[in-house]
């Protein structure tokens, strides 16, 4: 019998203000974060200011956090999940 881990994939569930939950691949989440960070270069969280490129900022954020401060009353959160193929 094959190992069940072979039938799992990493994905992210993304929660966003006034949006239904979304399941994104790591690549899709990275692109989403890059698009958001590209518009916020003058207002970055302190830990992201050490990186010179938006790509580095987004990768660091994905690896070390599960949310991003947005405008007051808004949120963006992501959590890694395992999806089983049936």
C-alpha atoms as a PDB file:
ATOM      1  CA  UNK A   1       0.000   0.000   0.000  1.00  0.00           C
ATOM      2  CA  UNK A   2       1.478   3.409  -0.955  1.00  0.00           C
ATOM      3  CA  UNK A   3       2.290   5.943   1.720  1.00  0.00           C
ATOM      4  CA  UNK A   4      -0.651   8.354   2.154  1.00  0.00           C
ATOM      5  CA  UNK A   5       1.712  11.336   2.234  1.00  0.00           C
ATOM      6  CA  UNK A   6       2.159  10.785  -1.513  1.00  0.00           C
ATOM      7  CA  UNK A   7      -1.459  11.860  -2.020  1.00  0.00           C
ATOM      8  CA  UNK A   8      -1.221  15.161  -0.171  1.00  0.00           C
ATOM      9  CA  UNK A   9      -0.355  18.629  -1.411  1.00  0.00           C
ATOM     10  CA  UNK A  10       0.457  21.772   0.456  1.00  0.00           C
ATOM     11  CA  UNK A  11      -1.956  24.631  -0.062  1.00  0.00           C
ATOM     12  CA  UNK A  12      -2.992  27.737   1.812  1.00  0.00           C
ATOM     13  CA  UNK A  13      -6.398  28.780   2.962  1.00  0.00           C
ATOM     14  CA  UNK A  14      -6.598  32.564   2.665  1.00  0.00           C
ATOM     15  CA  UNK A  15      -9.004  34.689   4.683  1.00  0.00           C
ATOM     16  CA  UNK A  16      -9.618  38.241   3.553  1.00  0.00           C
ATOM     17  CA  UNK A  17     -12.041  40.980   4.520  1.00  0.00           C
ATOM     18  CA  UNK A  18     -15.430  40.606   2.780  1.00  0.00           C
ATOM     19  CA  UNK A  19     -14.223  37.659   0.673  1.00  0.00           C
ATOM     20  CA  UNK A  20     -15.035  33.949   0.824  1.00  0.00           C
ATOM     21  CA  UNK A  21     -12.152  31.751   1.918  1.00  0.00           C
ATOM     22  CA  UNK A  22      -9.831  30.776  -0.908  1.00  0.00           C
ATOM     23  CA  UNK A  23      -7.473  27.859  -1.373  1.00  0.00           C
ATOM     24  CA  UNK A  24      -4.255  28.951  -3.070  1.00  0.00           C
ATOM     25  CA  UNK A  25      -1.109  27.140  -4.103  1.00  0.00           C
ATOM     26  CA  UNK A  26       2.139  28.450  -2.615  1.00  0.00           C
ATOM     27  CA  UNK A  27       2.873  30.134  -5.942  1.00  0.00           C
ATOM     28  CA  UNK A  28      -0.535  31.845  -6.026  1.00  0.00           C
ATOM     29  CA  UNK A  29      -0.146  33.113  -2.457  1.00  0.00           C
ATOM     30  CA  UNK A  30       3.328  34.416  -3.267  1.00  0.00           C
ATOM     31  CA  UNK A  31       1.932  36.346  -6.246  1.00  0.00           C
ATOM     32  CA  UNK A  32      -0.913  37.759  -4.123  1.00  0.00           C
ATOM     33  CA  UNK A  33       1.510  38.940  -1.436  1.00  0.00           C
ATOM     34  CA  UNK A  34       3.868  40.439  -4.010  1.00  0.00           C
ATOM     35  CA  UNK A  35       1.003  42.428  -5.552  1.00  0.00           C
ATOM     36  CA  UNK A  36      -0.047  43.771  -2.144  1.00  0.00           C
ATOM     37  CA  UNK A  37       3.499  44.571  -1.013  1.00  0.00           C
ATOM     38  CA  UNK A  38       4.311  46.320  -4.290  1.00  0.00           C
ATOM     39  CA  UNK A  39       1.675  48.942  -3.451  1.00  0.00           C
ATOM     40  CA  UNK A  40       2.879  49.354   0.146  1.00  0.00           C
ATOM     41  CA  UNK A  41       6.608  49.955  -0.211  1.00  0.00           C
ATOM     42  CA  UNK A  42       6.356  53.239   1.690  1.00  0.00           C
ATOM     43  CA  UNK A  43       4.450  51.569   4.564  1.00  0.00           C
ATOM     44  CA  UNK A  44       6.096  48.176   5.165  1.00  0.00           C
ATOM     45  CA  UNK A  45       6.213  46.328   8.464  1.00  0.00           C
ATOM     46  CA  UNK A  46       9.615  46.830  10.080  1.00  0.00           C
ATOM     47  CA  UNK A  47      10.771  43.226   9.576  1.00  0.00           C
ATOM     48  CA  UNK A  48      10.202  43.496   5.810  1.00  0.00           C
ATOM     49  CA  UNK A  49      12.178  46.717   5.412  1.00  0.00           C
ATOM     50  CA  UNK A  50      15.462  44.782   5.476  1.00  0.00           C
ATOM     51  CA  UNK A  51      14.705  43.222   2.065  1.00  0.00           C
ATOM     52  CA  UNK A  52      15.330  45.151  -1.116  1.00  0.00           C
ATOM     53  CA  UNK A  53      12.972  43.272  -3.433  1.00  0.00           C
ATOM     54  CA  UNK A  54       9.245  42.620  -3.256  1.00  0.00           C
ATOM     55  CA  UNK A  55       9.924  38.937  -4.029  1.00  0.00           C
ATOM     56  CA  UNK A  56      12.185  38.602  -0.964  1.00  0.00           C
ATOM     57  CA  UNK A  57       9.658  40.429   1.198  1.00  0.00           C
ATOM     58  CA  UNK A  58       6.797  38.159   0.103  1.00  0.00           C
ATOM     59  CA  UNK A  59       8.828  34.964   0.594  1.00  0.00           C
ATOM     60  CA  UNK A  60       9.900  36.063   4.073  1.00  0.00           C
ATOM     61  CA  UNK A  61       6.310  36.908   4.967  1.00  0.00           C
ATOM     62  CA  UNK A  62       5.059  33.512   3.775  1.00  0.00           C
ATOM     63  CA  UNK A  63       7.725  31.676   5.758  1.00  0.00           C
ATOM     64  CA  UNK A  64       7.483  33.608   9.018  1.00  0.00           C
ATOM     65  CA  UNK A  65       3.925  34.932   9.361  1.00  0.00           C
ATOM     66  CA  UNK A  66       0.306  34.052   8.819  1.00  0.00           C
ATOM     67  CA  UNK A  67      -1.154  37.532   8.500  1.00  0.00           C
ATOM     68  CA  UNK A  68      -0.495  41.010   7.181  1.00  0.00           C
ATOM     69  CA  UNK A  69      -1.727  44.221   8.750  1.00  0.00           C
ATOM     70  CA  UNK A  70      -4.004  45.944   6.307  1.00  0.00           C
ATOM     71  CA  UNK A  71      -6.119  49.079   6.597  1.00  0.00           C
ATOM     72  CA  UNK A  72      -8.094  49.532   9.848  1.00  0.00           C
ATOM     73  CA  UNK A  73     -10.957  47.042   9.917  1.00  0.00           C
ATOM     74  CA  UNK A  74      -9.418  44.859   7.195  1.00  0.00           C
ATOM     75  CA  UNK A  75      -7.427  41.651   7.436  1.00  0.00           C
ATOM     76  CA  UNK A  76      -5.438  39.190   5.370  1.00  0.00           C
ATOM     77  CA  UNK A  77      -4.565  35.819   6.918  1.00  0.00           C
ATOM     78  CA  UNK A  78      -3.234  32.571   5.463  1.00  0.00           C
ATOM     79  CA  UNK A  79      -2.738  29.100   6.891  1.00  0.00           C
ATOM     80  CA  UNK A  80      -1.048  26.096   5.366  1.00  0.00           C
ATOM     81  CA  UNK A  81      -3.284  23.073   4.883  1.00  0.00           C
ATOM     82  CA  UNK A  82      -2.869  19.577   3.503  1.00  0.00           C
ATOM     83  CA  UNK A  83      -5.346  18.502   0.856  1.00  0.00           C
ATOM     84  CA  UNK A  84      -5.892  14.813   0.329  1.00  0.00           C
ATOM     85  CA  UNK A  85      -6.572  13.466  -3.127  1.00  0.00           C
ATOM     86  CA  UNK A  86      -9.376  10.948  -3.127  1.00  0.00           C
END
